[in-house]
């Protein structure tokens, strides 16, 4: 059985590096007890660190 996921679309901008904000999509595991910060930390720690 595969794990249920959700997609977060994150707007990113690095002053001095990017000309304008850009959106990136990330698939993260669905956890009923997670809040948005948990999903963002998952992205930082395991996908885009």
PDB file of N, CA and C in Angstrom:
ATOM      1  N   UNK A   1       0.845  -1.186   0.000  1.00  0.00           N
ATOM      2  CA  UNK A   1       0.000   0.000   0.000  1.00  0.00           C
ATOM      3  C   UNK A   1       0.885   1.242   0.000  1.00  0.00           C
ATOM      4  N   UNK A   2       0.582   2.192  -0.866  1.00  0.00           N
ATOM      5  CA  UNK A   2       1.406   3.395  -0.928  1.00  0.00           C
ATOM      6  C   UNK A   2       0.927   4.422   0.091  1.00  0.00           C
ATOM      7  N   UNK A   3       1.851   5.270   0.452  1.00  0.00           N
ATOM      8  CA  UNK A   3       1.574   6.298   1.456  1.00  0.00           C
ATOM      9  C   UNK A   3       0.759   7.439   0.841  1.00  0.00           C
ATOM     10  N   UNK A   4      -0.200   7.947   1.595  1.00  0.00           N
ATOM     11  CA  UNK A   4      -0.997   9.077   1.132  1.00  0.00           C
ATOM     12  C   UNK A   4      -0.153  10.349   1.211  1.00  0.00           C
ATOM     13  N   UNK A   5      -0.232  11.176   0.172  1.00  0.00           N
ATOM     14  CA  UNK A   5       0.553  12.412   0.135  1.00  0.00           C
ATOM     15  C   UNK A   5      -0.361  13.606  -0.127  1.00  0.00           C
ATOM     16  N   UNK A   6       0.193  14.774   0.115  1.00  0.00           N
ATOM     17  CA  UNK A   6      -0.473  16.025  -0.246  1.00  0.00           C
ATOM     18  C   UNK A   6       0.572  16.897  -0.929  1.00  0.00           C
ATOM     19  N   UNK A   7       0.119  17.846  -1.702  1.00  0.00           N
ATOM     20  CA  UNK A   7       1.024  18.731  -2.425  1.00  0.00           C
ATOM     21  C   UNK A   7       0.968  20.121  -1.822  1.00  0.00           C
ATOM     22  N   UNK A   8       2.139  20.639  -1.466  1.00  0.00           N
ATOM     23  CA  UNK A   8       2.250  22.015  -0.993  1.00  0.00           C
ATOM     24  C   UNK A   8       2.872  22.841  -2.109  1.00  0.00           C
ATOM     25  N   UNK A   9       2.285  23.987  -2.388  1.00  0.00           N
ATOM     26  CA  UNK A   9       2.858  24.923  -3.344  1.00  0.00           C
ATOM     27  C   UNK A   9       3.446  26.061  -2.524  1.00  0.00           C
ATOM     28  N   UNK A  10       4.768  26.208  -2.618  1.00  0.00           N
ATOM     29  CA  UNK A  10       5.505  27.168  -1.806  1.00  0.00           C
ATOM     30  C   UNK A  10       6.031  28.280  -2.707  1.00  0.00           C
ATOM     31  N   UNK A  11       5.760  29.515  -2.340  1.00  0.00           N
ATOM     32  CA  UNK A  11       6.309  30.656  -3.065  1.00  0.00           C
ATOM     33  C   UNK A  11       7.652  31.005  -2.444  1.00  0.00           C
ATOM     34  N   UNK A  12       8.681  31.075  -3.297  1.00  0.00           N
ATOM     35  CA  UNK A  12      10.041  31.309  -2.806  1.00  0.00           C
ATOM     36  C   UNK A  12      10.629  32.558  -3.451  1.00  0.00           C
ATOM     37  N   UNK A  13      11.484  33.228  -2.678  1.00  0.00           N
ATOM     38  CA  UNK A  13      12.176  34.406  -3.185  1.00  0.00           C
ATOM     39  C   UNK A  13      13.434  34.621  -2.372  1.00  0.00           C
ATOM     40  N   UNK A  14      14.559  34.750  -3.061  1.00  0.00           N
ATOM     41  CA  UNK A  14      15.835  35.049  -2.402  1.00  0.00           C
ATOM     42  C   UNK A  14      16.331  36.395  -2.922  1.00  0.00           C
ATOM     43  N   UNK A  15      16.227  37.445  -2.099  1.00  0.00           N
ATOM     44  CA  UNK A  15      16.700  38.762  -2.537  1.00  0.00           C
ATOM     45  C   UNK A  15      18.168  38.691  -2.960  1.00  0.00           C
ATOM     46  N   UNK A  16      18.493  39.385  -4.014  1.00  0.00           N
ATOM     47  CA  UNK A  16      19.862  39.386  -4.498  1.00  0.00           C
ATOM     48  C   UNK A  16      20.181  38.199  -5.389  1.00  0.00           C
ATOM     49  N   UNK A  17      19.281  37.237  -5.465  1.00  0.00           N
ATOM     50  CA  UNK A  17      19.503  36.062  -6.302  1.00  0.00           C
ATOM     51  C   UNK A  17      18.382  35.891  -7.325  1.00  0.00           C
ATOM     52  N   UNK A  18      17.149  36.053  -6.887  1.00  0.00           N
ATOM     53  CA  UNK A  18      15.995  35.881  -7.768  1.00  0.00           C
ATOM     54  C   UNK A  18      15.472  37.238  -8.221  1.00  0.00           C
ATOM     55  N   UNK A  19      15.011  37.283  -9.465  1.00  0.00           N
ATOM     56  CA  UNK A  19      14.410  38.520  -9.969  1.00  0.00           C
ATOM     57  C   UNK A  19      12.989  38.694  -9.466  1.00  0.00           C
ATOM     58  N   UNK A  20      12.281  37.579  -9.314  1.00  0.00           N
ATOM     59  CA  UNK A  20      10.896  37.631  -8.847  1.00  0.00           C
ATOM     60  C   UNK A  20      10.566  36.332  -8.122  1.00  0.00           C
ATOM     61  N   UNK A  21       9.520  36.340  -7.313  1.00  0.00           N
ATOM     62  CA  UNK A  21       9.139  35.115  -6.603  1.00  0.00           C
ATOM     63  C   UNK A  21       8.747  34.013  -7.586  1.00  0.00           C
ATOM     64  N   UNK A  22       8.939  32.781  -7.166  1.00  0.00           N
ATOM     65  CA  UNK A  22       8.551  31.641  -7.988  1.00  0.00           C
ATOM     66  C   UNK A  22       7.839  30.619  -7.106  1.00  0.00           C
ATOM     67  N   UNK A  23       6.989  29.852  -7.699  1.00  0.00           N
ATOM     68  CA  UNK A  23       6.253  28.822  -6.964  1.00  0.00           C
ATOM     69  C   UNK A  23       6.878  27.463  -7.246  1.00  0.00           C
ATOM     70  N   UNK A  24       7.022  26.660  -6.202  1.00  0.00           N
ATOM     71  CA  UNK A  24       7.503  25.285  -6.326  1.00  0.00           C
ATOM     72  C   UNK A  24       6.519  24.366  -5.636  1.00  0.00           C
ATOM     73  N   UNK A  25       6.279  23.207  -6.231  1.00  0.00           N
ATOM     74  CA  UNK A  25       5.381  22.214  -5.643  1.00  0.00           C
ATOM     75  C   UNK A  25       6.188  21.095  -5.012  1.00  0.00           C
ATOM     76  N   UNK A  26       5.744  20.647  -3.852  1.00  0.00           N
ATOM     77  CA  UNK A  26       6.393  19.556  -3.134  1.00  0.00           C
ATOM     78  C   UNK A  26       5.340  18.555  -2.683  1.00  0.00           C
ATOM     79  N   UNK A  27       5.583  17.275  -2.910  1.00  0.00           N
ATOM     80  CA  UNK A  27       4.715  16.217  -2.395  1.00  0.00           C
ATOM     81  C   UNK A  27       5.257  15.799  -1.033  1.00  0.00           C
ATOM     82  N   UNK A  28       4.417  15.874  -0.034  1.00  0.00           N
ATOM     83  CA  UNK A  28       4.808  15.503   1.330  1.00  0.00           C
ATOM     84  C   UNK A  28       3.811  14.481   1.859  1.00  0.00           C
ATOM     85  N   UNK A  29       4.234  13.660   2.833  1.00  0.00           N
ATOM     86  CA  UNK A  29       3.300  12.689   3.401  1.00  0.00           C
ATOM     87  C   UNK A  29       2.126  13.393   4.071  1.00  0.00           C
ATOM     88  N   UNK A  30       0.953  12.787   3.945  1.00  0.00           N
ATOM     89  CA  UNK A  30      -0.218  13.322   4.643  1.00  0.00           C
ATOM     90  C   UNK A  30      -0.228  12.785   6.064  1.00  0.00           C
ATOM     91  N   UNK A  31      -0.269  13.679   7.029  1.00  0.00           N
ATOM     92  CA  UNK A  31      -0.375  13.319   8.445  1.00  0.00           C
ATOM     93  C   UNK A  31      -1.503  14.154   9.035  1.00  0.00           C
ATOM     94  N   UNK A  32      -2.505  13.508   9.578  1.00  0.00           N
ATOM     95  CA  UNK A  32      -3.676  14.215  10.089  1.00  0.00           C
ATOM     96  C   UNK A  32      -3.321  15.204  11.197  1.00  0.00           C
ATOM     97  N   UNK A  33      -2.274  14.905  11.965  1.00  0.00           N
ATOM     98  CA  UNK A  33      -1.921  15.773  13.090  1.00  0.00           C
ATOM     99  C   UNK A  33      -0.923  16.874  12.723  1.00  0.00           C
ATOM    100  N   UNK A  34      -0.492  16.942  11.465  1.00  0.00           N
ATOM    101  CA  UNK A  34       0.455  17.970  11.048  1.00  0.00           C
ATOM    102  C   UNK A  34      -0.230  19.315  10.843  1.00  0.00           C
ATOM    103  N   UNK A  35       0.544  20.374  11.119  1.00  0.00           N
ATOM    104  CA  UNK A  35       0.170  21.733  10.731  1.00  0.00           C
ATOM    105  C   UNK A  35       1.117  22.132   9.599  1.00  0.00           C
ATOM    106  N   UNK A  36       0.886  23.279   8.994  1.00  0.00           N
ATOM    107  CA  UNK A  36       1.690  23.704   7.845  1.00  0.00           C
ATOM    108  C   UNK A  36       3.178  23.713   8.177  1.00  0.00           C
ATOM    109  N   UNK A  37       3.541  24.160   9.369  1.00  0.00           N
ATOM    110  CA  UNK A  37       4.955  24.211   9.747  1.00  0.00           C
ATOM    111  C   UNK A  37       5.590  22.822   9.725  1.00  0.00           C
ATOM    112  N   UNK A  38       4.866  21.789  10.125  1.00  0.00           N
ATOM    113  CA  UNK A  38       5.401  20.428  10.063  1.00  0.00           C
ATOM    114  C   UNK A  38       5.718  20.035   8.621  1.00  0.00           C
ATOM    115  N   UNK A  39       4.828  20.365   7.704  1.00  0.00           N
ATOM    116  CA  UNK A  39       5.059  20.039   6.297  1.00  0.00           C
ATOM    117  C   UNK A  39       6.245  20.830   5.742  1.00  0.00           C
ATOM    118  N   UNK A  40       6.354  22.103   6.105  1.00  0.00           N
ATOM    119  CA  UNK A  40       7.500  22.906   5.654  1.00  0.00           C
ATOM    120  C   UNK A  40       8.810  22.364   6.220  1.00  0.00           C
ATOM    121  N   UNK A  41       8.812  21.952   7.468  1.00  0.00           N
ATOM    122  CA  UNK A  41      10.016  21.357   8.054  1.00  0.00           C
ATOM    123  C   UNK A  41      10.373  20.051   7.364  1.00  0.00           C
ATOM    124  N   UNK A  42       9.384  19.266   6.984  1.00  0.00           N
ATOM    125  CA  UNK A  42       9.646  18.028   6.243  1.00  0.00           C
ATOM    126  C   UNK A  42      10.347  18.358   4.921  1.00  0.00           C
ATOM    127  N   UNK A  43       9.844  19.371   4.217  1.00  0.00           N
ATOM    128  CA  UNK A  43      10.472  19.789   2.960  1.00  0.00           C
ATOM    129  C   UNK A  43      11.912  20.213   3.212  1.00  0.00           C
ATOM    130  N   UNK A  44      12.128  21.032   4.222  1.00  0.00           N
ATOM    131  CA  UNK A  44      13.480  21.524   4.531  1.00  0.00           C
ATOM    132  C   UNK A  44      14.419  20.386   4.912  1.00  0.00           C
ATOM    133  N   UNK A  45      13.953  19.482   5.752  1.00  0.00           N
ATOM    134  CA  UNK A  45      14.816  18.431   6.289  1.00  0.00           C
ATOM    135  C   UNK A  45      15.047  17.269   5.329  1.00  0.00           C
ATOM    136  N   UNK A  46      14.078  16.947   4.484  1.00  0.00           N
ATOM    137  CA  UNK A  46      14.169  15.710   3.705  1.00  0.00           C
ATOM    138  C   UNK A  46      14.142  15.880   2.202  1.00  0.00           C
ATOM    139  N   UNK A  47      13.734  17.047   1.718  1.00  0.00           N
ATOM    140  CA  UNK A  47      13.607  17.207   0.270  1.00  0.00           C
ATOM    141  C   UNK A  47      14.527  18.298  -0.261  1.00  0.00           C
ATOM    142  N   UNK A  48      14.521  19.450   0.373  1.00  0.00           N
ATOM    143  CA  UNK A  48      15.172  20.631  -0.203  1.00  0.00           C
ATOM    144  C   UNK A  48      16.188  21.262   0.739  1.00  0.00           C
ATOM    145  N   UNK A  49      16.687  20.494   1.682  1.00  0.00           N
ATOM    146  CA  UNK A  49      17.538  20.995   2.740  1.00  0.00           C
ATOM    147  C   UNK A  49      18.733  21.710   2.314  1.00  0.00           C
TER     148      UNK A  49
END
